[in-house]
Amino acid sequence: MFDSDPSPEFDTFACSLDALVASIDARDPYTCGHCDRTGRIARALGLRLDMGGESLRQLELAAHFHDIGKIGIPDHILHNPGRLEQDDWEVMKTHSALGERIFLASHRPDAVAVAKIIRHHHEAIDGSGYPDRLAGDAIPLAARVLRVADTYDAVTSRRPYHPGCEHEDAMRILHAEQDWKIDGDVFREFERLMRDRALQAT
């Protein structure tokens, strides 16, 4: 899954998290494919933003496991085919903080850094996101990168309640969200990146 040369400890940890991801996949097959695609886009975007070494590795890990917290979301909410009621939406929003706790439980040397990205991948530039309503540069760069990659794949993916947008429609949605939901500078690099048709949704 990852390009670096993992230690034995990483292998053990990856296997345990992959088991959790597999359990989510049994409940919601969309999630695993979504995380894999998001990880591929996030890594490519991170490279364009001159992220490298440990920072890029942390971003990639966070992207692959950013939705791991959904394992704690009740089935009636996770599988809801329509728009969630407000109370259920509040429960759904807990998945990012729950994902942070799951990753922290690994006690890996990089657990704090990766878990922080997972926690903040739904923050918004204008402070309207969750769970902590961070704004602007207070949001870690890796979380801002992940937000763009996550949003693109989410809106282009087919779900029971969402047919999935074409690439051009998805880019228009993200363009409209820059500087209030997503980081405008990150999005502009994303636009350049997505000239590569291999990364575009089909």
C-alpha atoms as a PDB file:
ATOM      1  CA  MET A   1       0.000   0.000   0.000  1.00  0.00           C
ATOM      2  CA  PHE A   2       2.845   2.406   0.840  1.00  0.00           C
ATOM      3  CA  ASP A   3       6.029   3.138  -1.076  1.00  0.00           C
ATOM      4  CA  SER A   4       8.482   3.360   1.822  1.00  0.00           C
ATOM      5  CA  ASP A   5      10.424   0.446   3.295  1.00  0.00           C
ATOM      6  CA  PRO A   6       8.373  -0.406   6.385  1.00  0.00           C
ATOM      7  CA  SER A   7       9.773  -1.652   9.652  1.00  0.00           C
ATOM      8  CA  PRO A   8       8.390  -4.842  11.229  1.00  0.00           C
ATOM      9  CA  GLU A   9       6.444  -2.623  13.627  1.00  0.00           C
ATOM     10  CA  PHE A  10       4.849  -0.839  10.698  1.00  0.00           C
ATOM     11  CA  ASP A  11       3.904  -4.164   9.114  1.00  0.00           C
ATOM     12  CA  THR A  12       2.135  -5.256  12.284  1.00  0.00           C
ATOM     13  CA  PHE A  13       0.354  -1.949  12.622  1.00  0.00           C
ATOM     14  CA  ALA A  14      -0.637  -1.845   8.954  1.00  0.00           C
ATOM     15  CA  CYS A  15      -2.105  -5.314   9.215  1.00  0.00           C
ATOM     16  CA  SER A  16      -4.170  -4.379  12.260  1.00  0.00           C
ATOM     17  CA  LEU A  17      -5.500  -1.231  10.605  1.00  0.00           C
ATOM     18  CA  ASP A  18      -6.141  -3.080   7.363  1.00  0.00           C
ATOM     19  CA  ALA A  19      -8.253  -5.503   9.384  1.00  0.00           C
ATOM     20  CA  LEU A  20     -10.297  -2.559  10.641  1.00  0.00           C
ATOM     21  CA  VAL A  21     -10.615  -1.186   7.114  1.00  0.00           C
ATOM     22  CA  ALA A  22     -11.754  -4.611   5.922  1.00  0.00           C
ATOM     23  CA  SER A  23     -14.435  -4.624   8.600  1.00  0.00           C
ATOM     24  CA  ILE A  24     -15.645  -1.238   7.375  1.00  0.00           C
ATOM     25  CA  ASP A  25     -15.583  -2.551   3.823  1.00  0.00           C
ATOM     26  CA  ALA A  26     -17.932  -5.336   4.893  1.00  0.00           C
ATOM     27  CA  ARG A  27     -20.355  -2.682   6.169  1.00  0.00           C
ATOM     28  CA  ASP A  28     -19.737  -0.005   3.536  1.00  0.00           C
ATOM     29  CA  PRO A  29     -17.777  -1.187   0.442  1.00  0.00           C
ATOM     30  CA  TYR A  30     -17.425   2.404  -0.766  1.00  0.00           C
ATOM     31  CA  THR A  31     -15.104   3.417   2.063  1.00  0.00           C
ATOM     32  CA  CYS A  32     -12.045   1.300   1.218  1.00  0.00           C
ATOM     33  CA  GLY A  33     -12.000   2.235  -2.453  1.00  0.00           C
ATOM     34  CA  HIS A  34     -12.559   5.863  -1.542  1.00  0.00           C
ATOM     35  CA  CYS A  35      -9.618   5.872   0.878  1.00  0.00           C
ATOM     36  CA  ASP A  36      -7.318   4.240  -1.663  1.00  0.00           C
ATOM     37  CA  ARG A  37      -8.213   6.747  -4.383  1.00  0.00           C
ATOM     38  CA  THR A  38      -7.958   9.650  -1.956  1.00  0.00           C
ATOM     39  CA  GLY A  39      -4.531   8.439  -0.859  1.00  0.00           C
ATOM     40  CA  ARG A  40      -3.273   8.330  -4.441  1.00  0.00           C
ATOM     41  CA  ILE A  41      -4.492  11.868  -5.161  1.00  0.00           C
ATOM     42  CA  ALA A  42      -3.276  13.260  -1.820  1.00  0.00           C
ATOM     43  CA  ARG A  43       0.223  11.884  -2.369  1.00  0.00           C
ATOM     44  CA  ALA A  44       0.437  13.378  -5.859  1.00  0.00           C
ATOM     45  CA  LEU A  45      -0.840  16.727  -4.591  1.00  0.00           C
ATOM     46  CA  GLY A  46       1.559  16.667  -1.650  1.00  0.00           C
ATOM     47  CA  LEU A  47       4.461  16.166  -4.048  1.00  0.00           C
ATOM     48  CA  ARG A  48       3.339  19.191  -6.069  1.00  0.00           C
ATOM     49  CA  LEU A  49       3.368  21.221  -2.851  1.00  0.00           C
ATOM     50  CA  ASP A  50       6.967  20.123  -2.165  1.00  0.00           C
ATOM     51  CA  MET A  51       6.007  17.873   0.705  1.00  0.00           C
ATOM     52  CA  GLY A  52       8.462  15.049   1.097  1.00  0.00           C
ATOM     53  CA  GLY A  53      10.026  12.629   3.497  1.00  0.00           C
ATOM     54  CA  GLU A  54       8.164  12.118   6.735  1.00  0.00           C
ATOM     55  CA  SER A  55       5.563  14.813   5.970  1.00  0.00           C
ATOM     56  CA  LEU A  56       4.527  13.073   2.754  1.00  0.00           C
ATOM     57  CA  ARG A  57       4.480   9.692   4.463  1.00  0.00           C
ATOM     58  CA  GLN A  58       2.231  11.049   7.221  1.00  0.00           C
ATOM     59  CA  LEU A  59      -0.118  12.573   4.648  1.00  0.00           C
ATOM     60  CA  GLU A  60      -0.343   9.293   2.765  1.00  0.00           C
ATOM     61  CA  LEU A  61      -1.040   7.310   5.927  1.00  0.00           C
ATOM     62  CA  ALA A  62      -3.697   9.782   7.009  1.00  0.00           C
ATOM     63  CA  ALA A  63      -5.330   9.711   3.579  1.00  0.00           C
ATOM     64  CA  HIS A  64      -5.545   5.927   3.543  1.00  0.00           C
ATOM     65  CA  PHE A  65      -7.056   5.823   7.025  1.00  0.00           C
ATOM     66  CA  HIS A  66      -8.934   9.121   7.243  1.00  0.00           C
ATOM     67  CA  ASP A  67     -12.327   7.396   7.417  1.00  0.00           C
ATOM     68  CA  ILE A  68     -11.308   4.612   9.819  1.00  0.00           C
ATOM     69  CA  GLY A  69     -13.478   6.254  12.467  1.00  0.00           C
ATOM     70  CA  LYS A  70     -16.572   5.234  10.504  1.00  0.00           C
ATOM     71  CA  ILE A  71     -16.197   1.830  12.111  1.00  0.00           C
ATOM     72  CA  GLY A  72     -17.825   3.451  15.153  1.00  0.00           C
ATOM     73  CA  ILE A  73     -20.786   4.964  13.286  1.00  0.00           C
ATOM     74  CA  PRO A  74     -24.064   3.038  13.726  1.00  0.00           C
ATOM     75  CA  ASP A  75     -25.272   1.176  10.656  1.00  0.00           C
ATOM     76  CA  HIS A  76     -28.543   3.084  10.426  1.00  0.00           C
ATOM     77  CA  ILE A  77     -26.543   6.287   9.958  1.00  0.00           C
ATOM     78  CA  LEU A  78     -23.687   4.902   7.866  1.00  0.00           C
ATOM     79  CA  HIS A  79     -26.096   3.216   5.445  1.00  0.00           C
ATOM     80  CA  ASN A  80     -28.715   5.941   5.325  1.00  0.00           C
ATOM     81  CA  PRO A  81     -29.556   6.342   1.601  1.00  0.00           C
ATOM     82  CA  GLY A  82     -30.786   9.915   1.945  1.00  0.00           C
ATOM     83  CA  ARG A  83     -29.982  13.182   3.638  1.00  0.00           C
ATOM     84  CA  LEU A  84     -29.199  12.728   7.323  1.00  0.00           C
ATOM     85  CA  GLU A  85     -31.301  14.390   9.991  1.00  0.00           C
ATOM     86  CA  GLN A  86     -29.369  16.895  12.090  1.00  0.00           C
ATOM     87  CA  ASP A  87     -28.927  14.568  15.078  1.00  0.00           C
ATOM     88  CA  ASP A  88     -27.613  11.789  12.860  1.00  0.00           C
ATOM     89  CA  TRP A  89     -25.326  14.229  11.043  1.00  0.00           C
ATOM     90  CA  GLU A  90     -23.814  15.235  14.371  1.00  0.00           C
ATOM     91  CA  VAL A  91     -23.060  11.565  15.035  1.00  0.00           C
ATOM     92  CA  MET A  92     -21.542  11.133  11.566  1.00  0.00           C
ATOM     93  CA  LYS A  93     -19.250  14.098  12.193  1.00  0.00           C
ATOM     94  CA  THR A  94     -17.675  12.280  15.136  1.00  0.00           C
ATOM     95  CA  HIS A  95     -15.877   9.912  12.750  1.00  0.00           C
ATOM     96  CA  SER A  96     -12.864  12.204  12.357  1.00  0.00           C
ATOM     97  CA  ALA A  97     -12.226  12.471  16.104  1.00  0.00           C
ATOM     98  CA  LEU A  98     -12.858   8.743  16.518  1.00  0.00           C
ATOM     99  CA  GLY A  99     -10.391   8.046  13.718  1.00  0.00           C
ATOM    100  CA  GLU A 100      -7.834  10.147  15.575  1.00  0.00           C
ATOM    101  CA  ARG A 101      -8.310   8.059  18.728  1.00  0.00           C
ATOM    102  CA  ILE A 102      -7.983   4.796  16.807  1.00  0.00           C
ATOM    103  CA  PHE A 103      -4.720   5.892  15.203  1.00  0.00           C
ATOM    104  CA  LEU A 104      -3.325   7.242  18.474  1.00  0.00           C
ATOM    105  CA  ALA A 105      -3.924   3.833  20.044  1.00  0.00           C
ATOM    106  CA  SER A 106      -1.149   2.433  17.844  1.00  0.00           C
ATOM    107  CA  HIS A 107       1.501   4.301  19.873  1.00  0.00           C
ATOM    108  CA  ARG A 108       3.584   4.571  16.704  1.00  0.00           C
ATOM    109  CA  PRO A 109       6.295   7.260  16.715  1.00  0.00           C
ATOM    110  CA  ASP A 110       4.295   9.148  14.088  1.00  0.00           C
ATOM    111  CA  ALA A 111       0.869   8.429  15.592  1.00  0.00           C
ATOM    112  CA  VAL A 112       0.320  11.937  16.963  1.00  0.00           C
ATOM    113  CA  ALA A 113       1.175  13.631  13.651  1.00  0.00           C
ATOM    114  CA  VAL A 114      -0.916  11.275  11.508  1.00  0.00           C
ATOM    115  CA  ALA A 115      -3.846  11.298  13.939  1.00  0.00           C
ATOM    116  CA  LYS A 116      -3.851  15.105  13.883  1.00  0.00           C
ATOM    117  CA  ILE A 117      -4.314  15.083  10.094  1.00  0.00           C
ATOM    118  CA  ILE A 118      -7.133  12.548  10.406  1.00  0.00           C
ATOM    119  CA  ARG A 119      -8.841  14.665  13.059  1.00  0.00           C
ATOM    120  CA  HIS A 120      -8.730  17.862  11.008  1.00  0.00           C
ATOM    121  CA  HIS A 121      -9.500  16.656   7.461  1.00  0.00           C
ATOM    122  CA  HIS A 122     -13.006  18.170   7.648  1.00  0.00           C
ATOM    123  CA  GLU A 123     -11.967  21.592   8.913  1.00  0.00           C
ATOM    124  CA  ALA A 124     -12.816  24.536   6.644  1.00  0.00           C
ATOM    125  CA  ILE A 125     -10.712  27.576   5.795  1.00  0.00           C
ATOM    126  CA  ASP A 126     -13.426  29.919   7.104  1.00  0.00           C
ATOM    127  CA  GLY A 127     -13.678  28.084  10.429  1.00  0.00           C
ATOM    128  CA  SER A 128     -17.029  26.424   9.713  1.00  0.00           C
ATOM    129  CA  GLY A 129     -15.697  22.858   9.622  1.00  0.00           C
ATOM    130  CA  TYR A 130     -15.354  20.213  12.309  1.00  0.00           C
ATOM    131  CA  PRO A 131     -14.461  18.988  14.868  1.00  0.00           C
ATOM    132  CA  ASP A 132     -12.588  22.048  16.190  1.00  0.00           C
ATOM    133  CA  ARG A 133     -13.636  24.849  13.811  1.00  0.00           C
ATOM    134  CA  LEU A 134     -10.033  25.657  12.966  1.00  0.00           C
ATOM    135  CA  ALA A 135      -9.520  28.305  10.297  1.00  0.00           C
ATOM    136  CA  GLY A 136      -6.861  29.271   7.770  1.00  0.00           C
ATOM    137  CA  ASP A 137      -3.283  28.338   8.545  1.00  0.00           C
ATOM    138  CA  ALA A 138      -4.327  26.909  11.909  1.00  0.00           C
ATOM    139  CA  ILE A 139      -5.392  23.866   9.885  1.00  0.00           C
ATOM    140  CA  PRO A 140      -2.331  21.677   9.216  1.00  0.00           C
ATOM    141  CA  LEU A 141      -1.234  21.812   5.575  1.00  0.00           C
ATOM    142  CA  ALA A 142      -1.582  18.048   5.242  1.00  0.00           C
ATOM    143  CA  ALA A 143      -5.194  18.265   6.426  1.00  0.00           C
ATOM    144  CA  ARG A 144      -5.883  21.010   3.868  1.00  0.00           C
ATOM    145  CA  VAL A 145      -4.401  18.808   1.148  1.00  0.00           C
ATOM    146  CA  LEU A 146      -6.430  15.834   2.324  1.00  0.00           C
ATOM    147  CA  ARG A 147      -9.628  17.893   2.360  1.00  0.00           C
ATOM    148  CA  VAL A 148      -9.232  18.693  -1.355  1.00  0.00           C
ATOM    149  CA  ALA A 149      -8.395  15.110  -2.336  1.00  0.00           C
ATOM    150  CA  ASP A 150     -11.199  13.726  -0.168  1.00  0.00           C
ATOM    151  CA  THR A 151     -13.789  16.150  -1.540  1.00  0.00           C
ATOM    152  CA  TYR A 152     -12.873  15.425  -5.159  1.00  0.00           C
ATOM    153  CA  ASP A 153     -13.194  11.684  -4.765  1.00  0.00           C
ATOM    154  CA  ALA A 154     -16.348  11.961  -2.661  1.00  0.00           C
ATOM    155  CA  VAL A 155     -18.232  14.055  -5.223  1.00  0.00           C
ATOM    156  CA  THR A 156     -17.103  11.952  -8.189  1.00  0.00           C
ATOM    157  CA  SER A 157     -17.933   8.602  -6.564  1.00  0.00           C
ATOM    158  CA  ARG A 158     -21.210   6.799  -7.125  1.00  0.00           C
ATOM    159  CA  ARG A 159     -23.216   6.129  -3.956  1.00  0.00           C
ATOM    160  CA  PRO A 160     -26.819   4.942  -3.416  1.00  0.00           C
ATOM    161  CA  TYR A 161     -27.856   8.536  -2.691  1.00  0.00           C
ATOM    162  CA  HIS A 162     -25.443  10.243  -5.116  1.00  0.00           C
ATOM    163  CA  PRO A 163     -24.796   9.346  -8.776  1.00  0.00           C
ATOM    164  CA  GLY A 164     -21.316  10.848  -8.829  1.00  0.00           C
ATOM    165  CA  CYS A 165     -20.239  13.951 -10.735  1.00  0.00           C
ATOM    166  CA  GLU A 166     -18.195  14.087 -13.909  1.00  0.00           C
ATOM    167  CA  HIS A 167     -14.674  15.455 -13.543  1.00  0.00           C
ATOM    168  CA  GLU A 168     -15.506  18.909 -14.886  1.00  0.00           C
ATOM    169  CA  ASP A 169     -18.534  19.245 -12.602  1.00  0.00           C
ATOM    170  CA  ALA A 170     -16.440  18.213  -9.603  1.00  0.00           C
ATOM    171  CA  MET A 171     -13.811  20.824 -10.455  1.00  0.00           C
ATOM    172  CA  ARG A 172     -16.512  23.499 -10.616  1.00  0.00           C
ATOM    173  CA  ILE A 173     -17.759  22.454  -7.171  1.00  0.00           C
ATOM    174  CA  LEU A 174     -14.280  22.678  -5.684  1.00  0.00           C
ATOM    175  CA  HIS A 175     -13.604  25.965  -7.464  1.00  0.00           C
ATOM    176  CA  ALA A 176     -16.685  27.435  -5.789  1.00  0.00           C
ATOM    177  CA  GLU A 177     -15.508  26.175  -2.379  1.00  0.00           C
ATOM    178  CA  GLN A 178     -12.017  27.673  -2.484  1.00  0.00           C
ATOM    179  CA  ASP A 179     -11.130  30.193   0.209  1.00  0.00           C
ATOM    180  CA  TRP A 180     -14.111  29.279   2.378  1.00  0.00           C
ATOM    181  CA  LYS A 181     -14.188  25.482   2.582  1.00  0.00           C
ATOM    182  CA  ILE A 182     -10.915  24.561   0.932  1.00  0.00           C
ATOM    183  CA  ASP A 183      -7.534  26.281   0.740  1.00  0.00           C
ATOM    184  CA  GLY A 184      -7.374  28.317  -2.468  1.00  0.00           C
ATOM    185  CA  ASP A 185      -3.618  27.877  -2.893  1.00  0.00           C
ATOM    186  CA  VAL A 186      -3.913  24.120  -2.481  1.00  0.00           C
ATOM    187  CA  PHE A 187      -6.800  24.026  -4.943  1.00  0.00           C
ATOM    188  CA  ARG A 188      -4.845  25.923  -7.592  1.00  0.00           C
ATOM    189  CA  GLU A 189      -2.088  23.307  -7.383  1.00  0.00           C
ATOM    190  CA  PHE A 190      -4.788  20.653  -7.550  1.00  0.00           C
ATOM    191  CA  GLU A 191      -6.090  22.189 -10.786  1.00  0.00           C
ATOM    192  CA  ARG A 192      -2.609  21.889 -12.297  1.00  0.00           C
ATOM    193  CA  LEU A 193      -2.261  18.340 -11.019  1.00  0.00           C
ATOM    194  CA  MET A 194      -5.567  17.253 -12.513  1.00  0.00           C
ATOM    195  CA  ARG A 195      -4.377  18.027 -16.016  1.00  0.00           C
ATOM    196  CA  ASP A 196      -3.057  14.480 -15.685  1.00  0.00           C
ATOM    197  CA  ARG A 197      -5.986  12.471 -17.057  1.00  0.00           C
ATOM    198  CA  ALA A 198      -4.796   9.390 -15.181  1.00  0.00           C
ATOM    199  CA  LEU A 199      -5.891  11.031 -11.937  1.00  0.00           C
ATOM    200  CA  GLN A 200      -9.246  12.241 -13.213  1.00  0.00           C
ATOM    201  CA  ALA A 201     -12.469  10.456 -12.259  1.00  0.00           C
ATOM    202  CA  THR A 202     -13.940   8.434 -15.111  1.00  0.00           C
END
